[in-house]
Amino acid sequence: MKFYKLNEGGAKRDDGVVVQIKHPDYLEYTEGDLSVDVSIGYDPSTRQIFVYASELTNWSRPTSVVPISDVKKQEIAQNLKEALGALKGKFVVS
């Protein structure tokens, strides 16, 4: 499925996966009832925004005790790449 732009900082897919930049330091990834904040950082020298998906450990909502497996982290990273491709800017997902 393809992501489409919701607004200047967000993208959505028809199955309900949403990526929304919430703050200069993080974005929110939502999949159904689960969501997690993903750290981001901006490098002004390269004008790139780095998205640190590899640092994810647990879903933030509805509860922070649900772990995120390595396989799921890879799926989230791929979804982030696709979603951020719909937005304006240079994003690097790691």
PDB file of N, CA and C in Angstrom:
ATOM      1  N   MET A   1       0.834  -1.185   0.000  1.00  0.00           N
ATOM      2  CA  MET A   1       0.000   0.000   0.000  1.00  0.00           C
ATOM      3  C   MET A   1       0.873   1.242   0.000  1.00  0.00           C
ATOM      4  N   LYS A   2       0.332   2.284  -0.548  1.00  0.00           N
ATOM      5  CA  LYS A   2       1.086   3.521  -0.695  1.00  0.00           C
ATOM      6  C   LYS A   2       0.673   4.550   0.354  1.00  0.00           C
ATOM      7  N   PHE A   3       1.669   5.305   0.848  1.00  0.00           N
ATOM      8  CA  PHE A   3       1.403   6.399   1.767  1.00  0.00           C
ATOM      9  C   PHE A   3       1.035   7.645   0.979  1.00  0.00           C
ATOM     10  N   TYR A   4       0.160   8.443   1.542  1.00  0.00           N
ATOM     11  CA  TYR A   4      -0.158   9.734   0.948  1.00  0.00           C
ATOM     12  C   TYR A   4      -0.021  10.814   2.022  1.00  0.00           C
ATOM     13  N   LYS A   5       0.270  11.996   1.583  1.00  0.00           N
ATOM     14  CA  LYS A   5       0.529  13.124   2.470  1.00  0.00           C
ATOM     15  C   LYS A   5      -0.767  13.584   3.132  1.00  0.00           C
ATOM     16  N   LEU A   6      -0.722  13.696   4.480  1.00  0.00           N
ATOM     17  CA  LEU A   6      -1.853  14.232   5.237  1.00  0.00           C
ATOM     18  C   LEU A   6      -1.744  15.747   5.384  1.00  0.00           C
ATOM     19  N   ASN A   7      -0.539  16.198   5.709  1.00  0.00           N
ATOM     20  CA  ASN A   7      -0.242  17.604   5.941  1.00  0.00           C
ATOM     21  C   ASN A   7       1.274  17.778   5.802  1.00  0.00           C
ATOM     22  N   GLU A   8       1.818  18.930   6.174  1.00  0.00           N
ATOM     23  CA  GLU A   8       3.256  19.177   5.987  1.00  0.00           C
ATOM     24  C   GLU A   8       4.133  18.219   6.774  1.00  0.00           C
ATOM     25  N   GLY A   9       3.631  17.651   7.848  1.00  0.00           N
ATOM     26  CA  GLY A   9       4.460  16.765   8.659  1.00  0.00           C
ATOM     27  C   GLY A   9       3.906  15.374   8.836  1.00  0.00           C
ATOM     28  N   GLY A  10       2.960  14.979   7.989  1.00  0.00           N
ATOM     29  CA  GLY A  10       2.357  13.679   8.202  1.00  0.00           C
ATOM     30  C   GLY A  10       1.987  12.950   6.932  1.00  0.00           C
ATOM     31  N   ALA A  11       1.976  11.620   7.033  1.00  0.00           N
ATOM     32  CA  ALA A  11       1.576  10.757   5.923  1.00  0.00           C
ATOM     33  C   ALA A  11       0.777   9.587   6.491  1.00  0.00           C
ATOM     34  N   LYS A  12      -0.117   9.055   5.656  1.00  0.00           N
ATOM     35  CA  LYS A  12      -1.009   7.976   6.084  1.00  0.00           C
ATOM     36  C   LYS A  12      -1.161   6.960   4.972  1.00  0.00           C
ATOM     37  N   ARG A  13      -1.403   5.733   5.384  1.00  0.00           N
ATOM     38  CA  ARG A  13      -1.690   4.651   4.454  1.00  0.00           C
ATOM     39  C   ARG A  13      -3.125   4.194   4.697  1.00  0.00           C
ATOM     40  N   ASP A  14      -3.774   3.637   3.699  1.00  0.00           N
ATOM     41  CA  ASP A  14      -5.179   3.239   3.813  1.00  0.00           C
ATOM     42  C   ASP A  14      -5.456   2.221   4.914  1.00  0.00           C
ATOM     43  N   ASP A  15      -4.452   1.450   5.304  1.00  0.00           N
ATOM     44  CA  ASP A  15      -4.671   0.461   6.363  1.00  0.00           C
ATOM     45  C   ASP A  15      -4.530   1.060   7.760  1.00  0.00           C
ATOM     46  N   GLY A  16      -4.369   2.382   7.854  1.00  0.00           N
ATOM     47  CA  GLY A  16      -4.350   3.045   9.154  1.00  0.00           C
ATOM     48  C   GLY A  16      -2.981   3.360   9.724  1.00  0.00           C
ATOM     49  N   VAL A  17      -1.903   3.007   9.039  1.00  0.00           N
ATOM     50  CA  VAL A  17      -0.570   3.366   9.516  1.00  0.00           C
ATOM     51  C   VAL A  17      -0.375   4.855   9.263  1.00  0.00           C
ATOM     52  N   VAL A  18       0.010   5.586  10.332  1.00  0.00           N
ATOM     53  CA  VAL A  18       0.180   7.031  10.259  1.00  0.00           C
ATOM     54  C   VAL A  18       1.547   7.407  10.808  1.00  0.00           C
ATOM     55  N   VAL A  19       2.217   8.314  10.116  1.00  0.00           N
ATOM     56  CA  VAL A  19       3.479   8.894  10.576  1.00  0.00           C
ATOM     57  C   VAL A  19       3.256  10.395  10.646  1.00  0.00           C
ATOM     58  N   GLN A  20       3.517  10.975  11.831  1.00  0.00           N
ATOM     59  CA  GLN A  20       3.281  12.404  12.024  1.00  0.00           C
ATOM     60  C   GLN A  20       4.432  13.009  12.823  1.00  0.00           C
ATOM     61  N   ILE A  21       5.093  14.013  12.249  1.00  0.00           N
ATOM     62  CA  ILE A  21       6.119  14.737  12.993  1.00  0.00           C
ATOM     63  C   ILE A  21       5.395  15.577  14.037  1.00  0.00           C
ATOM     64  N   LYS A  22       5.731  15.350  15.309  1.00  0.00           N
ATOM     65  CA  LYS A  22       5.054  16.018  16.409  1.00  0.00           C
ATOM     66  C   LYS A  22       5.883  17.139  17.016  1.00  0.00           C
ATOM     67  N   HIS A  23       7.212  17.054  16.859  1.00  0.00           N
ATOM     68  CA  HIS A  23       8.131  17.962  17.544  1.00  0.00           C
ATOM     69  C   HIS A  23       9.456  17.909  16.799  1.00  0.00           C
ATOM     70  N   PRO A  24      10.301  18.912  16.912  1.00  0.00           N
ATOM     71  CA  PRO A  24      11.610  18.833  16.250  1.00  0.00           C
ATOM     72  C   PRO A  24      12.476  17.647  16.711  1.00  0.00           C
ATOM     73  N   ASP A  25      12.107  17.040  17.843  1.00  0.00           N
ATOM     74  CA  ASP A  25      12.886  15.926  18.383  1.00  0.00           C
ATOM     75  C   ASP A  25      12.290  14.546  18.146  1.00  0.00           C
ATOM     76  N   TYR A  26      11.029  14.474  17.720  1.00  0.00           N
ATOM     77  CA  TYR A  26      10.432  13.148  17.524  1.00  0.00           C
ATOM     78  C   TYR A  26       9.249  13.196  16.563  1.00  0.00           C
ATOM     79  N   LEU A  27       8.935  12.008  16.042  1.00  0.00           N
ATOM     80  CA  LEU A  27       7.722  11.815  15.268  1.00  0.00           C
ATOM     81  C   LEU A  27       6.954  10.669  15.898  1.00  0.00           C
ATOM     82  N   GLU A  28       5.677  10.588  15.571  1.00  0.00           N
ATOM     83  CA  GLU A  28       4.837   9.521  16.102  1.00  0.00           C
ATOM     84  C   GLU A  28       4.490   8.555  14.975  1.00  0.00           C
ATOM     85  N   TYR A  29       4.707   7.271  15.233  1.00  0.00           N
ATOM     86  CA  TYR A  29       4.348   6.196  14.311  1.00  0.00           C
ATOM     87  C   TYR A  29       3.170   5.472  14.943  1.00  0.00           C
ATOM     88  N   THR A  30       2.062   5.380  14.218  1.00  0.00           N
ATOM     89  CA  THR A  30       0.864   4.727  14.738  1.00  0.00           C
ATOM     90  C   THR A  30       0.436   3.623  13.780  1.00  0.00           C
ATOM     91  N   GLU A  31       0.125   2.494  14.384  1.00  0.00           N
ATOM     92  CA  GLU A  31      -0.321   1.318  13.635  1.00  0.00           C
ATOM     93  C   GLU A  31      -1.482   0.705  14.406  1.00  0.00           C
ATOM     94  N   GLY A  32      -2.697   0.964  13.956  1.00  0.00           N
ATOM     95  CA  GLY A  32      -3.866   0.481  14.692  1.00  0.00           C
ATOM     96  C   GLY A  32      -3.953   1.160  16.049  1.00  0.00           C
ATOM     97  N   ASP A  33      -4.056   0.352  17.118  1.00  0.00           N
ATOM     98  CA  ASP A  33      -4.140   0.884  18.477  1.00  0.00           C
ATOM     99  C   ASP A  33      -2.774   1.153  19.084  1.00  0.00           C
ATOM    100  N   LEU A  34      -1.709   0.775  18.402  1.00  0.00           N
ATOM    101  CA  LEU A  34      -0.354   0.929  18.940  1.00  0.00           C
ATOM    102  C   LEU A  34       0.324   2.158  18.350  1.00  0.00           C
ATOM    103  N   SER A  35       1.108   2.832  19.164  1.00  0.00           N
ATOM    104  CA  SER A  35       1.902   3.946  18.648  1.00  0.00           C
ATOM    105  C   SER A  35       3.199   4.040  19.436  1.00  0.00           C
ATOM    106  N   VAL A  36       4.178   4.672  18.798  1.00  0.00           N
ATOM    107  CA  VAL A  36       5.487   4.835  19.420  1.00  0.00           C
ATOM    108  C   VAL A  36       6.086   6.152  18.931  1.00  0.00           C
ATOM    109  N   ASP A  37       6.795   6.830  19.838  1.00  0.00           N
ATOM    110  CA  ASP A  37       7.521   8.036  19.472  1.00  0.00           C
ATOM    111  C   ASP A  37       8.901   7.627  18.980  1.00  0.00           C
ATOM    112  N   VAL A  38       9.312   8.175  17.851  1.00  0.00           N
ATOM    113  CA  VAL A  38      10.592   7.843  17.231  1.00  0.00           C
ATOM    114  C   VAL A  38      11.452   9.105  17.243  1.00  0.00           C
ATOM    115  N   SER A  39      12.643   9.000  17.818  1.00  0.00           N
ATOM    116  CA  SER A  39      13.554  10.147  17.895  1.00  0.00           C
ATOM    117  C   SER A  39      14.025  10.557  16.505  1.00  0.00           C
ATOM    118  N   ILE A  40      14.136  11.871  16.309  1.00  0.00           N
ATOM    119  CA  ILE A  40      14.674  12.411  15.067  1.00  0.00           C
ATOM    120  C   ILE A  40      15.683  13.499  15.409  1.00  0.00           C
ATOM    121  N   GLY A  41      16.572  13.771  14.488  1.00  0.00           N
ATOM    122  CA  GLY A  41      17.552  14.834  14.664  1.00  0.00           C
ATOM    123  C   GLY A  41      17.861  15.486  13.328  1.00  0.00           C
ATOM    124  N   TYR A  42      18.141  16.772  13.371  1.00  0.00           N
ATOM    125  CA  TYR A  42      18.410  17.534  12.152  1.00  0.00           C
ATOM    126  C   TYR A  42      19.873  17.922  12.092  1.00  0.00           C
ATOM    127  N   ASP A  43      20.499  17.687  10.944  1.00  0.00           N
ATOM    128  CA  ASP A  43      21.876  18.101  10.700  1.00  0.00           C
ATOM    129  C   ASP A  43      21.845  19.285   9.739  1.00  0.00           C
ATOM    130  N   PRO A  44      22.085  20.510  10.249  1.00  0.00           N
ATOM    131  CA  PRO A  44      21.995  21.676   9.380  1.00  0.00           C
ATOM    132  C   PRO A  44      23.052  21.713   8.282  1.00  0.00           C
ATOM    133  N   SER A  45      24.189  21.058   8.491  1.00  0.00           N
ATOM    134  CA  SER A  45      25.230  21.085   7.457  1.00  0.00           C
ATOM    135  C   SER A  45      24.833  20.287   6.212  1.00  0.00           C
ATOM    136  N   THR A  46      24.076  19.207   6.399  1.00  0.00           N
ATOM    137  CA  THR A  46      23.630  18.398   5.262  1.00  0.00           C
ATOM    138  C   THR A  46      22.146  18.609   4.958  1.00  0.00           C
ATOM    139  N   ARG A  47      21.470  19.324   5.844  1.00  0.00           N
ATOM    140  CA  ARG A  47      20.028  19.576   5.732  1.00  0.00           C
ATOM    141  C   ARG A  47      19.232  18.271   5.679  1.00  0.00           C
ATOM    142  N   GLN A  48      19.694  17.296   6.469  1.00  0.00           N
ATOM    143  CA  GLN A  48      19.020  16.001   6.539  1.00  0.00           C
ATOM    144  C   GLN A  48      18.390  15.818   7.913  1.00  0.00           C
ATOM    145  N   ILE A  49      17.280  15.109   7.934  1.00  0.00           N
ATOM    146  CA  ILE A  49      16.625  14.733   9.179  1.00  0.00           C
ATOM    147  C   ILE A  49      16.861  13.241   9.372  1.00  0.00           C
ATOM    148  N   PHE A  50      17.485  12.895  10.482  1.00  0.00           N
ATOM    149  CA  PHE A  50      17.790  11.505  10.795  1.00  0.00           C
ATOM    150  C   PHE A  50      16.686  10.941  11.685  1.00  0.00           C
ATOM    151  N   VAL A  51      16.195   9.771  11.322  1.00  0.00           N
ATOM    152  CA  VAL A  51      15.111   9.102  12.031  1.00  0.00           C
ATOM    153  C   VAL A  51      15.693   7.824  12.632  1.00  0.00           C
ATOM    154  N   TYR A  52      15.644   7.725  13.956  1.00  0.00           N
ATOM    155  CA  TYR A  52      16.342   6.648  14.664  1.00  0.00           C
ATOM    156  C   TYR A  52      15.407   5.483  15.009  1.00  0.00           C
ATOM    157  N   ALA A  53      14.937   4.786  13.990  1.00  0.00           N
ATOM    158  CA  ALA A  53      14.021   3.658  14.187  1.00  0.00           C
ATOM    159  C   ALA A  53      14.703   2.484  14.889  1.00  0.00           C
ATOM    160  N   SER A  54      16.005   2.345  14.726  1.00  0.00           N
ATOM    161  CA  SER A  54      16.723   1.218  15.335  1.00  0.00           C
ATOM    162  C   SER A  54      16.750   1.304  16.857  1.00  0.00           C
ATOM    163  N   GLU A  55      16.430   2.474  17.423  1.00  0.00           N
ATOM    164  CA  GLU A  55      16.449   2.644  18.874  1.00  0.00           C
ATOM    165  C   GLU A  55      15.145   2.238  19.556  1.00  0.00           C
ATOM    166  N   LEU A  56      14.143   1.852  18.785  1.00  0.00           N
ATOM    167  CA  LEU A  56      12.848   1.505  19.363  1.00  0.00           C
ATOM    168  C   LEU A  56      12.944   0.254  20.224  1.00  0.00           C
ATOM    169  N   THR A  57      12.248   0.277  21.367  1.00  0.00           N
ATOM    170  CA  THR A  57      12.235  -0.895  22.246  1.00  0.00           C
ATOM    171  C   THR A  57      10.814  -1.349  22.574  1.00  0.00           C
ATOM    172  N   ASN A  58       9.948  -0.402  22.975  1.00  0.00           N
ATOM    173  CA  ASN A  58       8.575  -0.731  23.368  1.00  0.00           C
ATOM    174  C   ASN A  58       7.593   0.245  22.734  1.00  0.00           C
ATOM    175  N   TRP A  59       6.387  -0.249  22.481  1.00  0.00           N
ATOM    176  CA  TRP A  59       5.319   0.642  22.043  1.00  0.00           C
ATOM    177  C   TRP A  59       5.032   1.620  23.164  1.00  0.00           C
ATOM    178  N   SER A  60       4.743   2.874  22.841  1.00  0.00           N
ATOM    179  CA  SER A  60       4.437   3.896  23.848  1.00  0.00           C
ATOM    180  C   SER A  60       2.986   3.813  24.304  1.00  0.00           C
ATOM    181  N   ARG A  61       2.100   3.534  23.384  1.00  0.00           N
ATOM    182  CA  ARG A  61       0.681   3.477  23.679  1.00  0.00           C
ATOM    183  C   ARG A  61       0.089   2.239  23.027  1.00  0.00           C
ATOM    184  N   PRO A  62      -0.838   1.609  23.630  1.00  0.00           N
ATOM    185  CA  PRO A  62      -1.560   2.004  24.822  1.00  0.00           C
ATOM    186  C   PRO A  62      -0.783   1.770  26.119  1.00  0.00           C
ATOM    187  N   THR A  63       0.234   0.949  26.076  1.00  0.00           N
ATOM    188  CA  THR A  63       1.043   0.694  27.264  1.00  0.00           C
ATOM    189  C   THR A  63       2.491   0.509  26.836  1.00  0.00           C
ATOM    190  N   SER A  64       3.412   0.881  27.677  1.00  0.00           N
ATOM    191  CA  SER A  64       4.826   0.804  27.300  1.00  0.00           C
ATOM    192  C   SER A  64       5.463  -0.543  27.620  1.00  0.00           C
ATOM    193  N   VAL A  65       4.651  -1.547  27.949  1.00  0.00           N
ATOM    194  CA  VAL A  65       5.219  -2.861  28.264  1.00  0.00           C
ATOM    195  C   VAL A  65       5.200  -3.818  27.076  1.00  0.00           C
ATOM    196  N   VAL A  66       4.654  -3.387  25.966  1.00  0.00           N
ATOM    197  CA  VAL A  66       4.614  -4.239  24.774  1.00  0.00           C
ATOM    198  C   VAL A  66       5.901  -4.021  23.990  1.00  0.00           C
ATOM    199  N   PRO A  67       6.771  -5.038  23.942  1.00  0.00           N
ATOM    200  CA  PRO A  67       8.052  -4.867  23.244  1.00  0.00           C
ATOM    201  C   PRO A  67       7.882  -4.849  21.721  1.00  0.00           C
ATOM    202  N   ILE A  68       8.851  -4.231  21.068  1.00  0.00           N
ATOM    203  CA  ILE A  68       8.909  -4.204  19.608  1.00  0.00           C
ATOM    204  C   ILE A  68      10.038  -5.145  19.191  1.00  0.00           C
ATOM    205  N   SER A  69       9.709  -6.199  18.463  1.00  0.00           N
ATOM    206  CA  SER A  69      10.706  -7.182  18.039  1.00  0.00           C
ATOM    207  C   SER A  69      11.618  -6.588  16.966  1.00  0.00           C
ATOM    208  N   ASP A  70      12.749  -7.232  16.728  1.00  0.00           N
ATOM    209  CA  ASP A  70      13.671  -6.786  15.690  1.00  0.00           C
ATOM    210  C   ASP A  70      13.015  -6.823  14.312  1.00  0.00           C
ATOM    211  N   VAL A  71      12.203  -7.846  14.059  1.00  0.00           N
ATOM    212  CA  VAL A  71      11.500  -7.955  12.782  1.00  0.00           C
ATOM    213  C   VAL A  71      10.515  -6.793  12.631  1.00  0.00           C
ATOM    214  N   LYS A  72       9.812  -6.470  13.709  1.00  0.00           N
ATOM    215  CA  LYS A  72       8.856  -5.367  13.669  1.00  0.00           C
ATOM    216  C   LYS A  72       9.589  -4.035  13.484  1.00  0.00           C
ATOM    217  N   LYS A  73      10.757  -3.872  14.116  1.00  0.00           N
ATOM    218  CA  LYS A  73      11.556  -2.651  13.929  1.00  0.00           C
ATOM    219  C   LYS A  73      11.911  -2.462  12.462  1.00  0.00           C
ATOM    220  N   GLN A  74      12.263  -3.548  11.789  1.00  0.00           N
ATOM    221  CA  GLN A  74      12.596  -3.470  10.363  1.00  0.00           C
ATOM    222  C   GLN A  74      11.364  -3.064   9.547  1.00  0.00           C
ATOM    223  N   GLU A  75      10.216  -3.614   9.897  1.00  0.00           N
ATOM    224  CA  GLU A  75       8.973  -3.262   9.204  1.00  0.00           C
ATOM    225  C   GLU A  75       8.633  -1.783   9.437  1.00  0.00           C
ATOM    226  N   ILE A  76       8.789  -1.320  10.682  1.00  0.00           N
ATOM    227  CA  ILE A  76       8.527   0.083  10.995  1.00  0.00           C
ATOM    228  C   ILE A  76       9.487   0.977  10.221  1.00  0.00           C
ATOM    229  N   ALA A  77      10.772   0.610  10.179  1.00  0.00           N
ATOM    230  CA  ALA A  77      11.767   1.402   9.448  1.00  0.00           C
ATOM    231  C   ALA A  77      11.389   1.508   7.970  1.00  0.00           C
ATOM    232  N   GLN A  78      10.955   0.416   7.381  1.00  0.00           N
ATOM    233  CA  GLN A  78      10.543   0.435   5.973  1.00  0.00           C
ATOM    234  C   GLN A  78       9.311   1.316   5.782  1.00  0.00           C
ATOM    235  N   ASN A  79       8.357   1.194   6.692  1.00  0.00           N
ATOM    236  CA  ASN A  79       7.166   2.041   6.611  1.00  0.00           C
ATOM    237  C   ASN A  79       7.529   3.514   6.761  1.00  0.00           C
ATOM    238  N   LEU A  80       8.474   3.824   7.653  1.00  0.00           N
ATOM    239  CA  LEU A  80       8.912   5.205   7.829  1.00  0.00           C
ATOM    240  C   LEU A  80       9.547   5.739   6.547  1.00  0.00           C
ATOM    241  N   LYS A  81      10.388   4.932   5.916  1.00  0.00           N
ATOM    242  CA  LYS A  81      11.023   5.358   4.655  1.00  0.00           C
ATOM    243  C   LYS A  81       9.965   5.691   3.613  1.00  0.00           C
ATOM    244  N   GLU A  82       8.981   4.819   3.486  1.00  0.00           N
ATOM    245  CA  GLU A  82       7.927   5.035   2.490  1.00  0.00           C
ATOM    246  C   GLU A  82       7.076   6.253   2.843  1.00  0.00           C
ATOM    247  N   ALA A  83       6.702   6.382   4.118  1.00  0.00           N
ATOM    248  CA  ALA A  83       5.861   7.503   4.542  1.00  0.00           C
ATOM    249  C   ALA A  83       6.590   8.827   4.391  1.00  0.00           C
ATOM    250  N   LEU A  84       7.849   8.879   4.808  1.00  0.00           N
ATOM    251  CA  LEU A  84       8.606  10.123   4.741  1.00  0.00           C
ATOM    252  C   LEU A  84       8.938  10.504   3.307  1.00  0.00           C
ATOM    253  N   GLY A  85       8.920   9.533   2.414  1.00  0.00           N
ATOM    254  CA  GLY A  85       9.102   9.816   1.002  1.00  0.00           C
ATOM    255  C   GLY A  85       7.971  10.660   0.430  1.00  0.00           C
ATOM    256  N   ALA A  86       6.825  10.637   1.097  1.00  0.00           N
ATOM    257  CA  ALA A  86       5.688  11.445   0.657  1.00  0.00           C
ATOM    258  C   ALA A  86       5.791  12.892   1.142  1.00  0.00           C
ATOM    259  N   LEU A  87       6.740  13.150   2.047  1.00  0.00           N
ATOM    260  CA  LEU A  87       6.895  14.481   2.618  1.00  0.00           C
ATOM    261  C   LEU A  87       8.068  15.228   1.991  1.00  0.00           C
ATOM    262  N   LYS A  88       8.073  16.519   2.205  1.00  0.00           N
ATOM    263  CA  LYS A  88       9.141  17.362   1.714  1.00  0.00           C
ATOM    264  C   LYS A  88      10.309  17.306   2.695  1.00  0.00           C
ATOM    265  N   GLY A  89      11.511  17.082   2.197  1.00  0.00           N
ATOM    266  CA  GLY A  89      12.686  17.039   3.053  1.00  0.00           C
ATOM    267  C   GLY A  89      13.563  15.851   2.751  1.00  0.00           C
ATOM    268  N   LYS A  90      14.776  15.870   3.314  1.00  0.00           N
ATOM    269  CA  LYS A  90      15.721  14.761   3.151  1.00  0.00           C
ATOM    270  C   LYS A  90      15.731  13.980   4.462  1.00  0.00           C
ATOM    271  N   PHE A  91      15.197  12.781   4.409  1.00  0.00           N
ATOM    272  CA  PHE A  91      15.090  11.933   5.598  1.00  0.00           C
ATOM    273  C   PHE A  91      16.014  10.732   5.441  1.00  0.00           C
ATOM    274  N   VAL A  92      16.703  10.389   6.541  1.00  0.00           N
ATOM    275  CA  VAL A  92      17.550   9.204   6.575  1.00  0.00           C
ATOM    276  C   VAL A  92      17.060   8.358   7.744  1.00  0.00           C
ATOM    277  N   VAL A  93      16.562   7.162   7.447  1.00  0.00           N
ATOM    278  CA  VAL A  93      16.023   6.273   8.478  1.00  0.00           C
ATOM    279  C   VAL A  93      17.068   5.224   8.806  1.00  0.00           C
ATOM    280  N   SER A  94      17.377   5.123  10.119  1.00  0.00           N
ATOM    281  CA  SER A  94      18.338   4.092  10.555  1.00  0.00           C
ATOM    282  C   SER A  94      17.757   3.273  11.678  1.00  0.00           C
TER     283      SER A  94
END
